[in-house]
Amino acid sequence: MPQVSVIIPTCNRAQFLRAAIESVLNQTFQDFEIIVVDDASDDATAETVRSLADGRIRYLRHERKKGQGATRNVGIRDARGEYIALLDDDDEWLPTKLQKQVTLLDRSEERRVG
């Protein structure tokens, strides 16, 4: 089970999606899965995701549009990670983002339990 599930909802934004996914793949923290949820795109979204060929990437697709909220929720329901991270398809993360957040979350958990 990955520690972090990164959910990326998308619709017809293949031109941005590759950079968003690569920014996750380039994280210093590597215990994650990426779930791309496609809200019925009719562009090259599926091909973009397949071209990245990383076993941590899962691609889910709606056959008809359901909207951004429903698309995020599908990714969250399918997530296996301890933590959920949401990333917009036109956004990119700095390389240490997940490491910093997981460290902070893990420490806050220790404080609560201990």
N, C-alpha and C. Protein backbone atom coordinates (compact mmCIF):
# COMPACT_ATOMS: atom_id res chain seq x y z
N MET A 1 0.84 -1.18 0.00
CA MET A 1 0.00 0.00 0.00
C MET A 1 0.89 1.25 0.00
N PRO A 2 0.64 2.18 -0.93
CA PRO A 2 1.42 3.42 -0.94
C PRO A 2 1.03 4.32 0.23
N GLN A 3 1.95 5.15 0.66
CA GLN A 3 1.64 6.06 1.76
C GLN A 3 0.76 7.21 1.29
N VAL A 4 0.94 7.65 0.04
CA VAL A 4 0.19 8.79 -0.48
C VAL A 4 -0.48 8.40 -1.80
N SER A 5 -1.75 8.76 -1.91
CA SER A 5 -2.47 8.65 -3.18
C SER A 5 -2.63 10.06 -3.73
N VAL A 6 -2.10 10.28 -4.92
CA VAL A 6 -2.21 11.58 -5.58
C VAL A 6 -3.33 11.48 -6.60
N ILE A 7 -4.36 12.30 -6.43
CA ILE A 7 -5.52 12.28 -7.30
C ILE A 7 -5.42 13.46 -8.26
N ILE A 8 -5.49 13.16 -9.57
CA ILE A 8 -5.45 14.20 -10.59
C ILE A 8 -6.70 14.08 -11.46
N PRO A 9 -7.72 14.92 -11.22
CA PRO A 9 -8.87 14.94 -12.11
C PRO A 9 -8.52 15.72 -13.37
N THR A 10 -9.05 15.30 -14.50
CA THR A 10 -8.71 15.99 -15.74
C THR A 10 -9.83 15.87 -16.76
N CYS A 11 -9.87 16.81 -17.67
CA CYS A 11 -10.81 16.76 -18.80
C CYS A 11 -10.26 17.65 -19.91
N ASN A 12 -9.85 17.02 -21.01
CA ASN A 12 -9.39 17.72 -22.21
C ASN A 12 -8.24 18.70 -21.93
N ARG A 13 -7.29 18.26 -21.13
CA ARG A 13 -6.14 19.12 -20.83
C ARG A 13 -4.84 18.35 -20.93
N ALA A 14 -4.76 17.50 -21.93
CA ALA A 14 -3.57 16.67 -22.12
C ALA A 14 -2.30 17.53 -22.24
N GLN A 15 -2.44 18.73 -22.79
CA GLN A 15 -1.27 19.58 -22.99
C GLN A 15 -0.63 19.99 -21.67
N PHE A 16 -1.37 19.95 -20.56
CA PHE A 16 -0.83 20.29 -19.25
C PHE A 16 -0.55 19.05 -18.39
N LEU A 17 -1.29 18.00 -18.64
CA LEU A 17 -1.30 16.82 -17.77
C LEU A 17 0.07 16.18 -17.61
N ARG A 18 0.82 16.06 -18.69
CA ARG A 18 2.15 15.43 -18.61
C ARG A 18 3.03 16.12 -17.58
N ALA A 19 3.08 17.44 -17.60
CA ALA A 19 3.93 18.18 -16.65
C ALA A 19 3.46 17.96 -15.21
N ALA A 20 2.15 17.90 -15.00
CA ALA A 20 1.62 17.66 -13.66
C ALA A 20 2.07 16.29 -13.15
N ILE A 21 1.88 15.27 -13.97
CA ILE A 21 2.27 13.91 -13.57
C ILE A 21 3.78 13.82 -13.35
N GLU A 22 4.55 14.38 -14.25
CA GLU A 22 6.02 14.33 -14.10
C GLU A 22 6.48 15.04 -12.83
N SER A 23 5.76 16.08 -12.41
CA SER A 23 6.15 16.75 -11.17
C SER A 23 5.94 15.85 -9.96
N VAL A 24 5.00 14.92 -10.05
CA VAL A 24 4.83 13.94 -8.98
C VAL A 24 5.91 12.86 -9.09
N LEU A 25 6.15 12.38 -10.29
CA LEU A 25 7.17 11.34 -10.47
C LEU A 25 8.55 11.82 -10.04
N ASN A 26 8.79 13.12 -10.08
CA ASN A 26 10.09 13.69 -9.72
C ASN A 26 10.19 14.10 -8.25
N GLN A 27 9.26 13.66 -7.43
CA GLN A 27 9.31 13.98 -6.01
C GLN A 27 10.47 13.28 -5.32
N THR A 28 11.02 13.90 -4.27
CA THR A 28 12.04 13.23 -3.47
C THR A 28 11.42 12.10 -2.66
N PHE A 29 10.16 12.22 -2.30
CA PHE A 29 9.40 11.18 -1.62
C PHE A 29 8.75 10.31 -2.70
N GLN A 30 8.98 9.01 -2.65
CA GLN A 30 8.55 8.15 -3.76
C GLN A 30 7.50 7.10 -3.41
N ASP A 31 6.98 7.09 -2.20
CA ASP A 31 5.99 6.08 -1.80
C ASP A 31 4.58 6.60 -2.10
N PHE A 32 4.22 6.62 -3.37
CA PHE A 32 2.93 7.16 -3.78
C PHE A 32 2.36 6.36 -4.95
N GLU A 33 1.08 6.58 -5.17
CA GLU A 33 0.41 6.16 -6.39
C GLU A 33 -0.21 7.41 -6.98
N ILE A 34 -0.38 7.42 -8.28
CA ILE A 34 -1.03 8.52 -8.97
C ILE A 34 -2.30 7.96 -9.61
N ILE A 35 -3.42 8.59 -9.33
CA ILE A 35 -4.68 8.19 -9.93
C ILE A 35 -5.17 9.34 -10.78
N VAL A 36 -5.12 9.15 -12.09
CA VAL A 36 -5.63 10.14 -13.03
C VAL A 36 -7.07 9.75 -13.34
N VAL A 37 -8.00 10.66 -13.08
CA VAL A 37 -9.41 10.39 -13.36
C VAL A 37 -9.84 11.33 -14.49
N ASP A 38 -10.13 10.73 -15.62
CA ASP A 38 -10.46 11.45 -16.85
C ASP A 38 -11.98 11.59 -16.95
N ASP A 39 -12.45 12.83 -16.99
CA ASP A 39 -13.88 13.11 -17.07
C ASP A 39 -14.32 13.20 -18.53
N ALA A 40 -14.21 12.07 -19.22
CA ALA A 40 -14.71 11.91 -20.60
C ALA A 40 -14.01 12.82 -21.61
N SER A 41 -12.69 12.91 -21.52
CA SER A 41 -11.92 13.72 -22.47
C SER A 41 -12.05 13.18 -23.88
N ASP A 42 -11.95 14.08 -24.85
CA ASP A 42 -11.91 13.65 -26.24
C ASP A 42 -10.63 14.15 -26.92
N ASP A 43 -9.61 14.40 -26.12
CA ASP A 43 -8.30 14.78 -26.64
C ASP A 43 -7.33 13.62 -26.40
N ALA A 44 -6.06 13.89 -26.31
CA ALA A 44 -5.03 12.85 -26.17
C ALA A 44 -4.72 12.51 -24.71
N THR A 45 -5.65 12.69 -23.81
CA THR A 45 -5.42 12.43 -22.40
C THR A 45 -4.98 10.99 -22.15
N ALA A 46 -5.72 10.03 -22.66
CA ALA A 46 -5.39 8.61 -22.43
C ALA A 46 -4.00 8.29 -22.95
N GLU A 47 -3.67 8.76 -24.13
CA GLU A 47 -2.36 8.50 -24.73
C GLU A 47 -1.25 9.15 -23.89
N THR A 48 -1.51 10.34 -23.38
CA THR A 48 -0.52 11.03 -22.55
C THR A 48 -0.20 10.20 -21.31
N VAL A 49 -1.23 9.70 -20.65
CA VAL A 49 -1.02 8.91 -19.43
C VAL A 49 -0.29 7.61 -19.78
N ARG A 50 -0.73 6.92 -20.81
CA ARG A 50 -0.09 5.65 -21.20
C ARG A 50 1.38 5.85 -21.58
N SER A 51 1.72 6.98 -22.16
CA SER A 51 3.09 7.22 -22.61
C SER A 51 4.06 7.35 -21.43
N LEU A 52 3.56 7.61 -20.25
CA LEU A 52 4.44 7.77 -19.08
C LEU A 52 4.86 6.43 -18.49
N ALA A 53 4.13 5.38 -18.74
CA ALA A 53 4.51 3.99 -18.42
C ALA A 53 5.20 3.82 -17.06
N ASP A 54 4.50 4.16 -16.01
CA ASP A 54 5.00 3.95 -14.66
C ASP A 54 3.93 3.16 -13.92
N GLY A 55 4.31 2.08 -13.28
CA GLY A 55 3.36 1.19 -12.61
C GLY A 55 2.60 1.84 -11.47
N ARG A 56 3.06 2.99 -11.01
CA ARG A 56 2.36 3.69 -9.93
C ARG A 56 1.21 4.56 -10.43
N ILE A 57 1.08 4.65 -11.75
CA ILE A 57 0.02 5.48 -12.34
C ILE A 57 -1.16 4.60 -12.72
N ARG A 58 -2.33 4.99 -12.23
CA ARG A 58 -3.57 4.32 -12.64
C ARG A 58 -4.45 5.33 -13.36
N TYR A 59 -5.12 4.87 -14.39
CA TYR A 59 -5.96 5.74 -15.22
C TYR A 59 -7.39 5.24 -15.16
N LEU A 60 -8.29 6.11 -14.71
CA LEU A 60 -9.72 5.81 -14.66
C LEU A 60 -10.43 6.80 -15.59
N ARG A 61 -11.46 6.35 -16.29
CA ARG A 61 -12.12 7.22 -17.26
C ARG A 61 -13.63 7.13 -17.15
N HIS A 62 -14.27 8.30 -17.11
CA HIS A 62 -15.73 8.37 -17.21
C HIS A 62 -16.11 8.31 -18.69
N GLU A 63 -17.13 7.59 -19.01
CA GLU A 63 -17.62 7.54 -20.39
C GLU A 63 -18.42 8.79 -20.75
N ARG A 64 -19.02 9.43 -19.73
CA ARG A 64 -19.72 10.71 -19.95
C ARG A 64 -19.34 11.65 -18.81
N LYS A 65 -19.39 12.94 -19.09
CA LYS A 65 -18.95 13.94 -18.11
C LYS A 65 -19.78 13.87 -16.83
N LYS A 66 -19.07 13.97 -15.70
CA LYS A 66 -19.72 13.96 -14.39
C LYS A 66 -19.37 15.20 -13.57
N GLY A 67 -18.40 15.97 -14.02
CA GLY A 67 -18.00 17.18 -13.31
C GLY A 67 -16.80 16.96 -12.42
N GLN A 68 -16.17 18.05 -12.04
CA GLN A 68 -14.91 17.97 -11.28
C GLN A 68 -15.09 17.34 -9.90
N GLY A 69 -16.16 17.68 -9.20
CA GLY A 69 -16.36 17.11 -7.86
C GLY A 69 -16.50 15.60 -7.91
N ALA A 70 -17.33 15.11 -8.81
CA ALA A 70 -17.52 13.66 -8.96
C ALA A 70 -16.23 12.99 -9.40
N THR A 71 -15.48 13.66 -10.25
CA THR A 71 -14.22 13.10 -10.74
C THR A 71 -13.21 12.96 -9.60
N ARG A 72 -13.10 13.97 -8.76
CA ARG A 72 -12.22 13.88 -7.58
C ARG A 72 -12.67 12.75 -6.66
N ASN A 73 -13.97 12.67 -6.43
CA ASN A 73 -14.50 11.65 -5.52
C ASN A 73 -14.22 10.24 -6.01
N VAL A 74 -14.29 10.01 -7.31
CA VAL A 74 -13.96 8.69 -7.86
C VAL A 74 -12.52 8.35 -7.54
N GLY A 75 -11.61 9.29 -7.71
CA GLY A 75 -10.21 9.05 -7.38
C GLY A 75 -10.00 8.78 -5.91
N ILE A 76 -10.67 9.53 -5.07
CA ILE A 76 -10.54 9.34 -3.62
C ILE A 76 -11.06 7.96 -3.22
N ARG A 77 -12.20 7.57 -3.78
CA ARG A 77 -12.75 6.24 -3.44
C ARG A 77 -11.83 5.11 -3.88
N ASP A 78 -11.09 5.32 -4.96
CA ASP A 78 -10.21 4.28 -5.49
C ASP A 78 -8.82 4.29 -4.85
N ALA A 79 -8.54 5.30 -4.05
CA ALA A 79 -7.22 5.48 -3.45
C ALA A 79 -6.90 4.39 -2.44
N ARG A 80 -5.62 4.01 -2.38
CA ARG A 80 -5.15 3.00 -1.44
C ARG A 80 -4.21 3.56 -0.38
N GLY A 81 -3.82 4.82 -0.55
CA GLY A 81 -2.83 5.41 0.33
C GLY A 81 -3.37 5.81 1.69
N GLU A 82 -2.45 5.99 2.61
CA GLU A 82 -2.79 6.47 3.95
C GLU A 82 -3.22 7.93 3.88
N TYR A 83 -2.55 8.71 3.02
CA TYR A 83 -2.86 10.11 2.84
C TYR A 83 -3.33 10.35 1.41
N ILE A 84 -4.18 11.38 1.23
CA ILE A 84 -4.67 11.79 -0.08
C ILE A 84 -4.07 13.15 -0.40
N ALA A 85 -3.58 13.31 -1.62
CA ALA A 85 -3.10 14.60 -2.10
C ALA A 85 -3.81 14.90 -3.41
N LEU A 86 -4.35 16.09 -3.53
CA LEU A 86 -5.07 16.49 -4.74
C LEU A 86 -4.18 17.41 -5.57
N LEU A 87 -4.12 17.12 -6.86
CA LEU A 87 -3.31 17.93 -7.78
C LEU A 87 -4.15 18.25 -9.00
N ASP A 88 -4.27 19.54 -9.33
CA ASP A 88 -4.97 19.93 -10.55
C ASP A 88 -4.13 19.57 -11.76
N ASP A 89 -4.78 19.30 -12.87
CA ASP A 89 -4.08 18.84 -14.07
C ASP A 89 -3.19 19.91 -14.71
N ASP A 90 -3.35 21.16 -14.32
CA ASP A 90 -2.51 22.23 -14.88
C ASP A 90 -1.54 22.80 -13.85
N ASP A 91 -1.31 22.04 -12.78
CA ASP A 91 -0.42 22.49 -11.71
C ASP A 91 0.81 21.59 -11.67
N GLU A 92 1.89 22.08 -11.10
CA GLU A 92 3.11 21.30 -10.92
C GLU A 92 3.61 21.50 -9.50
N TRP A 93 4.15 20.43 -8.93
CA TRP A 93 4.68 20.48 -7.58
C TRP A 93 6.19 20.66 -7.59
N LEU A 94 6.71 21.38 -6.59
CA LEU A 94 8.15 21.42 -6.37
C LEU A 94 8.59 20.05 -5.87
N PRO A 95 9.82 19.65 -6.12
CA PRO A 95 10.27 18.27 -5.85
C PRO A 95 10.16 17.79 -4.41
N THR A 96 10.15 18.68 -3.43
CA THR A 96 10.12 18.24 -2.03
C THR A 96 8.73 18.37 -1.38
N LYS A 97 7.73 18.70 -2.15
CA LYS A 97 6.39 18.94 -1.59
C LYS A 97 5.88 17.76 -0.78
N LEU A 98 5.85 16.57 -1.36
CA LEU A 98 5.31 15.41 -0.64
C LEU A 98 6.16 15.06 0.58
N GLN A 99 7.48 15.14 0.45
CA GLN A 99 8.34 14.82 1.59
C GLN A 99 8.03 15.73 2.78
N LYS A 100 7.90 17.01 2.52
CA LYS A 100 7.61 17.96 3.60
C LYS A 100 6.24 17.69 4.21
N GLN A 101 5.26 17.43 3.39
CA GLN A 101 3.91 17.21 3.91
C GLN A 101 3.80 15.90 4.68
N VAL A 102 4.39 14.83 4.16
CA VAL A 102 4.32 13.55 4.85
C VAL A 102 5.06 13.63 6.18
N THR A 103 6.20 14.27 6.21
CA THR A 103 6.95 14.43 7.46
C THR A 103 6.10 15.17 8.49
N LEU A 104 5.48 16.25 8.07
CA LEU A 104 4.63 17.03 8.98
C LEU A 104 3.43 16.20 9.46
N LEU A 105 2.77 15.51 8.56
CA LEU A 105 1.62 14.69 8.94
C LEU A 105 2.01 13.56 9.87
N ASP A 106 3.12 12.91 9.58
CA ASP A 106 3.58 11.82 10.45
C ASP A 106 3.91 12.34 11.86
N ARG A 107 4.54 13.49 11.94
CA ARG A 107 4.85 14.08 13.24
C ARG A 107 3.58 14.45 13.99
N SER A 108 2.60 15.00 13.31
CA SER A 108 1.37 15.41 13.99
C SER A 108 0.63 14.18 14.51
N GLU A 109 0.72 13.07 13.80
CA GLU A 109 0.11 11.82 14.24
C GLU A 109 0.78 11.33 15.51
N GLU A 110 2.10 11.42 15.57
CA GLU A 110 2.83 11.00 16.78
C GLU A 110 2.43 11.83 17.99
N ARG A 111 2.24 13.11 17.78
CA ARG A 111 1.84 14.00 18.88
C ARG A 111 0.46 13.64 19.39
N ARG A 112 -0.43 13.33 18.49
CA ARG A 112 -1.80 13.00 18.87
C ARG A 112 -1.86 11.70 19.64
N VAL A 113 -1.12 10.69 19.15
CA VAL A 113 -1.15 9.36 19.75
C VAL A 113 -0.35 9.34 21.04
N GLY A 114 0.82 9.97 21.05
CA GLY A 114 1.73 9.91 22.18
C GLY A 114 1.41 10.89 23.19
